[in-house]
Amino acid sequence: MARRISTRRRIVVTALAWAVAFVIFFPILYMVITSLKTEREAIDGISLIPSFTVENYIAVQAQNDYIKPFMNSVVIALGSTLAALAIAIPAAWSMAFSPTKRTKDILMWMLSTKMMPAVGVLVPLFLIFRDTGLLDTRLGLTIVLTLINLPIVVWMLYTYFREIPGEILEAARMDGAGLLDEIVHVLTPMAVPGIASTMLLNIILAWNEAFWTLRLTAANAAPLTAFIASFSSPQGLFWAKLSAASTLAIAPILIMGWFSQRQLVRGLTFGAVK
C-alpha cells in the first residue's frame, strides 16, 4: 500500500514538474513559432500552427548583420565575466577565510548597490564615458557590466568558499604555499563547481543586459539586445521579424545553458549537503 502511494506521489510530482516547465518554456516556444509565420499570421491572433516560412530570418539578416552584434555579445559577456571573477575570487577568499566584524556589513552594502535604479547614475556615467572615449565601445560596456554584476559574483563565491574547510588552506600554508599559490592551486580547484556556476550565471546576466547596452552603444559595440531593439520602429512592431531577431539572440545562450545545465545545478547545490 505504501509503495503504491509512493508511486502515485511520484507520478503527481513529475506531472506537476512538467506542467510548470511547460508554462515557463511556453513564451519561448510561442516566440519561435511566431518567427516562422508571416507578418499577417503573426498579427491575426494566437495560433500554434506556423506556416514554417524562413522569410523573417532572411529579412532580419538582410536588414542588420547578425554576426557583428553576436561577436559583440560574446566579447562583452566573456570579458565582463572574466574581469568579475578576477576581482571577486580574491575578495571572496578574503571575506570567507579572514573575516572581520565588518564583513557582513560589507557584503550587505555590496548587495544594496543592486537596489539602486540604474537610471539614477545614467547621466554622470554617460558623461564620463563620453569624455573618456569609452562611449559605444566594447571596453566601456565590459567595464559597466563587470561592475553591476560584481556584487552577485562576490556573494556567490563567498557562499561557496565558506563551505571549504579552512584547515586545508592552513595545511597548504604550512607546506610553504604563498598567497597566490593558495588561491590558484588550492582554493580554485576545490571550488570549480561553484566558480563554474557563477561564471555561467554572470554570462547569462551580461548577455541579457538591455538597459546599459541600449544607452551606451550605437553601432560599433551594439550587442544582440540592441539588435532586437532595432526591429521596433515608428511604423509599429513587426512581430514576426521581432520574434525571429529575438530567437537568434537567445539561441546561443539557450544552447549553452542546455549543455551546461548539469554543471550549473552541481554548482548551485555545491556545499548543500554536509
Protein backbone atom coordinates (compact mmCIF):
# COMPACT_ATOMS: atom_id res chain seq x y z
CA MET A 1 0.00 0.00 0.00
CA ALA A 2 2.76 2.40 0.97
CA ARG A 3 4.62 1.55 -2.22
CA ARG A 4 1.50 2.32 -4.29
CA ILE A 5 1.06 5.70 -2.56
CA SER A 6 4.73 6.49 -3.17
CA THR A 7 4.35 5.64 -6.87
CA ARG A 8 1.27 7.85 -7.19
CA ARG A 9 3.01 10.70 -5.42
CA ARG A 10 6.00 10.39 -7.77
CA ILE A 11 3.69 10.46 -10.80
CA VAL A 12 1.85 13.54 -9.49
CA VAL A 13 5.08 15.37 -8.69
CA THR A 14 6.51 14.52 -12.12
CA ALA A 15 3.34 15.71 -13.87
CA LEU A 16 3.38 18.97 -11.91
CA ALA A 17 7.06 19.49 -12.74
CA TRP A 18 6.38 19.02 -16.44
CA ALA A 19 3.39 21.39 -16.24
CA VAL A 20 5.48 24.11 -14.56
CA ALA A 21 8.30 23.59 -17.07
CA PHE A 22 5.86 23.94 -19.97
CA VAL A 23 4.38 27.16 -18.54
CA ILE A 24 7.87 28.62 -18.16
CA PHE A 25 9.01 27.48 -21.62
CA PHE A 26 5.80 28.39 -23.48
CA PRO A 27 6.72 32.07 -24.18
CA ILE A 28 9.96 30.90 -25.81
CA LEU A 29 8.10 28.25 -27.79
CA TYR A 30 5.49 30.77 -28.95
CA MET A 31 8.23 33.21 -29.95
CA VAL A 32 9.88 30.57 -32.13
CA ILE A 33 6.52 29.65 -33.68
CA THR A 34 5.76 33.32 -34.39
CA SER A 35 9.13 33.73 -36.09
CA LEU A 36 8.06 31.03 -38.57
CA LYS A 37 4.84 32.87 -39.51
CA THR A 38 4.19 35.63 -42.00
CA GLU A 39 3.56 39.12 -40.59
CA ARG A 40 -0.15 38.75 -41.38
CA GLU A 41 -0.39 35.45 -39.50
CA ALA A 42 1.51 36.89 -36.54
CA ILE A 43 -0.89 39.83 -36.25
CA ASP A 44 -4.10 37.86 -36.79
CA GLY A 45 -4.02 36.13 -33.41
CA ILE A 46 -2.71 33.31 -31.29
CA SER A 47 -2.06 30.18 -33.31
CA LEU A 48 0.36 27.35 -32.66
CA ILE A 49 0.41 26.30 -36.31
CA PRO A 50 3.01 28.30 -38.24
CA SER A 51 3.47 28.35 -41.99
CA PHE A 52 7.13 27.40 -41.47
CA THR A 53 8.48 30.26 -43.52
CA VAL A 54 12.07 31.44 -43.08
CA GLU A 55 11.50 34.79 -44.78
CA ASN A 56 11.69 36.59 -41.42
CA TYR A 57 15.17 35.25 -40.71
CA ILE A 58 16.29 36.25 -44.22
CA ALA A 59 14.80 39.73 -43.75
CA VAL A 60 16.45 40.10 -40.32
CA GLN A 61 19.86 39.19 -41.71
CA ALA A 62 19.34 41.49 -44.69
CA GLN A 63 18.36 44.45 -42.51
CA ASN A 64 21.03 44.05 -39.85
CA ASP A 65 24.15 41.91 -39.93
CA TYR A 66 23.75 39.29 -37.17
CA ILE A 67 27.43 38.38 -36.89
CA LYS A 68 28.67 41.76 -35.64
CA PRO A 69 26.26 42.11 -32.65
CA PHE A 70 26.74 38.41 -31.91
CA MET A 71 30.51 38.85 -31.65
CA ASN A 72 29.99 41.98 -29.56
CA SER A 73 27.80 39.99 -27.15
CA VAL A 74 30.38 37.20 -26.92
CA VAL A 75 33.29 39.55 -26.25
CA ILE A 76 31.39 41.71 -23.75
CA ALA A 77 29.80 38.79 -21.85
CA LEU A 78 33.04 36.79 -21.61
CA GLY A 79 35.17 39.86 -20.91
CA SER A 80 32.94 41.12 -18.10
CA THR A 81 32.70 37.62 -16.62
CA LEU A 82 36.46 37.05 -16.55
CA ALA A 83 37.06 40.54 -15.13
CA ALA A 84 34.42 39.99 -12.42
CA LEU A 85 35.94 36.63 -11.45
CA ALA A 86 39.45 38.12 -11.32
CA ILE A 87 38.21 40.69 -8.79
CA ALA A 88 35.67 38.55 -6.93
CA ILE A 89 37.78 35.44 -6.22
CA PRO A 90 40.39 37.28 -4.07
CA ALA A 91 37.65 39.39 -2.45
CA ALA A 92 35.52 36.36 -1.59
CA TRP A 93 38.59 34.47 -0.37
CA SER A 94 39.49 37.31 1.97
CA MET A 95 35.99 37.61 3.44
CA ALA A 96 35.48 33.84 3.72
CA PHE A 97 38.77 32.91 5.38
CA SER A 98 39.84 36.16 7.05
CA PRO A 99 36.53 37.66 8.18
CA THR A 100 36.25 40.72 10.38
CA LYS A 101 33.33 42.09 12.35
CA ARG A 102 32.52 44.30 9.34
CA THR A 103 32.50 41.51 6.73
CA LYS A 104 28.73 41.00 6.76
CA ASP A 105 28.18 44.77 6.62
CA ILE A 106 30.43 44.99 3.56
CA LEU A 107 28.57 42.15 1.86
CA MET A 108 25.21 43.78 2.58
CA TRP A 109 26.49 47.12 1.30
CA MET A 110 27.69 45.50 -1.91
CA LEU A 111 24.34 43.80 -2.42
CA SER A 112 22.46 47.04 -1.66
CA THR A 113 24.06 48.67 -4.72
CA LYS A 114 21.91 46.35 -6.86
CA MET A 115 18.81 48.02 -5.40
CA MET A 116 19.72 51.44 -6.82
CA PRO A 117 17.80 52.36 -10.00
CA ALA A 118 20.21 52.27 -12.92
CA VAL A 119 18.72 55.44 -14.38
CA GLY A 120 19.97 57.30 -11.29
CA VAL A 121 23.58 57.08 -12.49
CA LEU A 122 22.91 57.11 -16.22
CA VAL A 123 23.68 60.79 -16.85
CA PRO A 124 27.00 61.01 -14.93
CA LEU A 125 28.15 57.68 -16.36
CA PHE A 126 27.21 58.77 -19.89
CA LEU A 127 29.20 62.00 -19.48
CA ILE A 128 32.22 60.14 -18.09
CA PHE A 129 32.16 57.68 -20.97
CA ARG A 130 31.76 60.49 -23.49
CA ASP A 131 34.73 62.41 -22.11
CA THR A 132 36.99 59.35 -21.83
CA GLY A 133 36.16 57.95 -25.26
CA LEU A 134 34.50 54.82 -23.90
CA LEU A 135 31.08 55.54 -25.37
CA ASP A 136 29.97 52.90 -27.89
CA THR A 137 32.99 50.68 -27.23
CA ARG A 138 33.26 47.07 -26.13
CA LEU A 139 35.66 48.07 -23.36
CA GLY A 140 33.24 50.61 -21.91
CA LEU A 141 30.33 48.19 -21.85
CA THR A 142 32.55 45.45 -20.42
CA ILE A 143 33.51 47.74 -17.53
CA VAL A 144 29.89 48.62 -16.80
CA LEU A 145 28.66 45.02 -16.85
CA THR A 146 31.57 43.93 -14.69
CA LEU A 147 30.69 46.48 -12.04
CA ILE A 148 26.93 45.90 -11.99
CA ASN A 149 27.28 42.10 -11.72
CA LEU A 150 30.24 42.10 -9.33
CA PRO A 151 28.15 42.11 -6.09
CA ILE A 152 26.29 38.94 -7.14
CA VAL A 153 29.54 37.23 -8.17
CA VAL A 154 31.22 38.07 -4.85
CA TRP A 155 28.19 36.88 -2.86
CA MET A 156 28.00 33.56 -4.69
CA LEU A 157 31.73 32.86 -4.43
CA TYR A 158 31.73 33.85 -0.77
CA THR A 159 28.96 31.31 -0.13
CA TYR A 160 30.86 28.57 -1.94
CA PHE A 161 34.20 29.35 -0.28
CA ARG A 162 32.59 29.20 3.17
CA GLU A 163 31.89 25.50 2.58
CA ILE A 164 35.60 24.70 2.09
CA PRO A 165 37.36 23.69 5.35
CA GLY A 166 39.87 26.31 6.40
CA GLU A 167 42.19 23.59 7.70
CA ILE A 168 43.07 22.69 4.09
CA LEU A 169 44.36 26.19 3.44
CA GLU A 170 46.25 26.17 6.74
CA ALA A 171 47.91 22.91 5.72
CA ALA A 172 48.90 24.49 2.40
CA ARG A 173 50.47 27.43 4.25
CA MET A 174 52.43 25.06 6.48
CA ASP A 175 53.76 23.38 3.34
CA GLY A 176 55.07 26.73 2.17
CA ALA A 177 52.28 27.86 -0.17
CA GLY A 178 52.20 31.59 -0.75
CA LEU A 179 49.08 33.72 -1.10
CA LEU A 180 48.87 33.31 -4.87
CA ASP A 181 49.56 29.56 -4.65
CA GLU A 182 46.86 29.20 -2.01
CA ILE A 183 44.24 30.85 -4.21
CA VAL A 184 45.27 29.41 -7.59
CA HIS A 185 46.43 25.88 -6.71
CA VAL A 186 44.37 25.03 -3.62
CA LEU A 187 41.20 27.09 -3.34
CA THR A 188 40.24 27.43 -7.02
CA PRO A 189 40.43 23.69 -7.92
CA MET A 190 38.32 22.79 -4.89
CA ALA A 191 35.66 25.37 -5.78
CA VAL A 192 35.47 24.60 -9.52
CA PRO A 193 31.72 23.70 -9.44
CA GLY A 194 30.86 26.93 -7.62
CA ILE A 195 33.10 29.06 -9.83
CA ALA A 196 31.69 27.44 -12.97
CA SER A 197 28.07 28.06 -11.97
CA THR A 198 28.91 31.65 -11.01
CA MET A 199 30.60 32.14 -14.37
CA LEU A 200 27.61 30.73 -16.26
CA LEU A 201 25.17 32.92 -14.34
CA ASN A 202 27.25 36.03 -14.97
CA ILE A 203 27.45 35.25 -18.70
CA ILE A 204 23.65 34.95 -18.82
CA LEU A 205 23.18 38.24 -16.95
CA ALA A 206 25.65 40.05 -19.19
CA TRP A 207 24.17 38.52 -22.36
CA ASN A 208 20.64 39.62 -21.42
CA GLU A 209 21.51 43.12 -20.21
CA ALA A 210 19.45 45.66 -22.16
CA PHE A 211 19.33 48.93 -20.21
CA TRP A 212 23.00 49.82 -20.46
CA THR A 213 23.57 48.32 -23.89
CA LEU A 214 20.82 50.44 -25.42
CA ARG A 215 22.09 53.66 -23.83
CA LEU A 216 25.85 53.35 -24.05
CA THR A 217 26.14 51.88 -27.55
CA ALA A 218 25.05 52.95 -31.00
CA ALA A 219 26.60 50.94 -33.82
CA ASN A 220 30.17 49.86 -33.16
CA ALA A 221 29.66 47.93 -29.89
CA ALA A 222 25.93 47.19 -30.07
CA PRO A 223 25.26 43.62 -28.83
CA LEU A 224 22.29 41.37 -29.58
CA THR A 225 19.95 43.21 -27.19
CA ALA A 226 20.38 46.32 -29.34
CA PHE A 227 19.98 44.09 -32.41
CA ILE A 228 16.50 43.10 -31.16
CA ALA A 229 15.53 46.70 -30.36
CA SER A 230 16.35 47.77 -33.92
CA PHE A 231 13.20 46.00 -35.12
CA SER A 232 10.97 48.38 -33.18
CA SER A 233 10.16 51.32 -35.43
CA PRO A 234 7.79 54.34 -35.51
CA GLN A 235 5.72 52.40 -38.05
CA GLY A 236 4.96 49.80 -35.39
CA LEU A 237 6.18 46.40 -34.28
CA PHE A 238 6.78 43.74 -36.88
CA TRP A 239 6.02 40.77 -34.64
CA ALA A 240 7.30 38.02 -36.93
CA LYS A 241 10.61 39.75 -37.64
CA LEU A 242 10.95 40.78 -33.99
CA SER A 243 10.40 37.16 -32.95
CA ALA A 244 12.99 35.99 -35.47
CA ALA A 245 15.53 38.52 -34.17
CA SER A 246 14.77 37.50 -30.57
CA THR A 247 15.16 33.82 -31.42
CA LEU A 248 18.55 34.46 -33.00
CA ALA A 249 19.59 36.49 -29.95
CA ILE A 250 18.65 33.96 -27.29
CA ALA A 251 19.58 30.80 -29.21
CA PRO A 252 23.30 30.83 -28.27
CA ILE A 253 22.62 31.30 -24.55
CA LEU A 254 19.87 28.66 -24.58
CA ILE A 255 22.20 26.15 -26.23
CA MET A 256 24.96 26.95 -23.74
CA GLY A 257 22.55 26.58 -20.82
CA TRP A 258 21.25 23.29 -22.17
CA PHE A 259 24.69 21.71 -22.47
CA SER A 260 25.96 23.11 -19.15
CA GLN A 261 22.84 22.52 -17.06
CA ARG A 262 24.42 19.63 -15.14
CA GLN A 263 27.42 21.75 -14.18
CA LEU A 264 25.15 24.65 -13.30
CA VAL A 265 22.95 22.55 -10.99
CA ARG A 266 26.03 20.94 -9.44
CA GLY A 267 27.50 24.36 -8.73
CA LEU A 268 24.28 25.82 -7.33
CA THR A 269 23.99 22.90 -4.89
CA PHE A 270 27.69 22.95 -4.03
CA GLY A 271 28.06 22.55 -0.29
CA ALA A 272 24.33 21.99 0.26
CA VAL A 273 24.91 18.52 1.73
CA LYS A 274 27.37 18.19 4.55
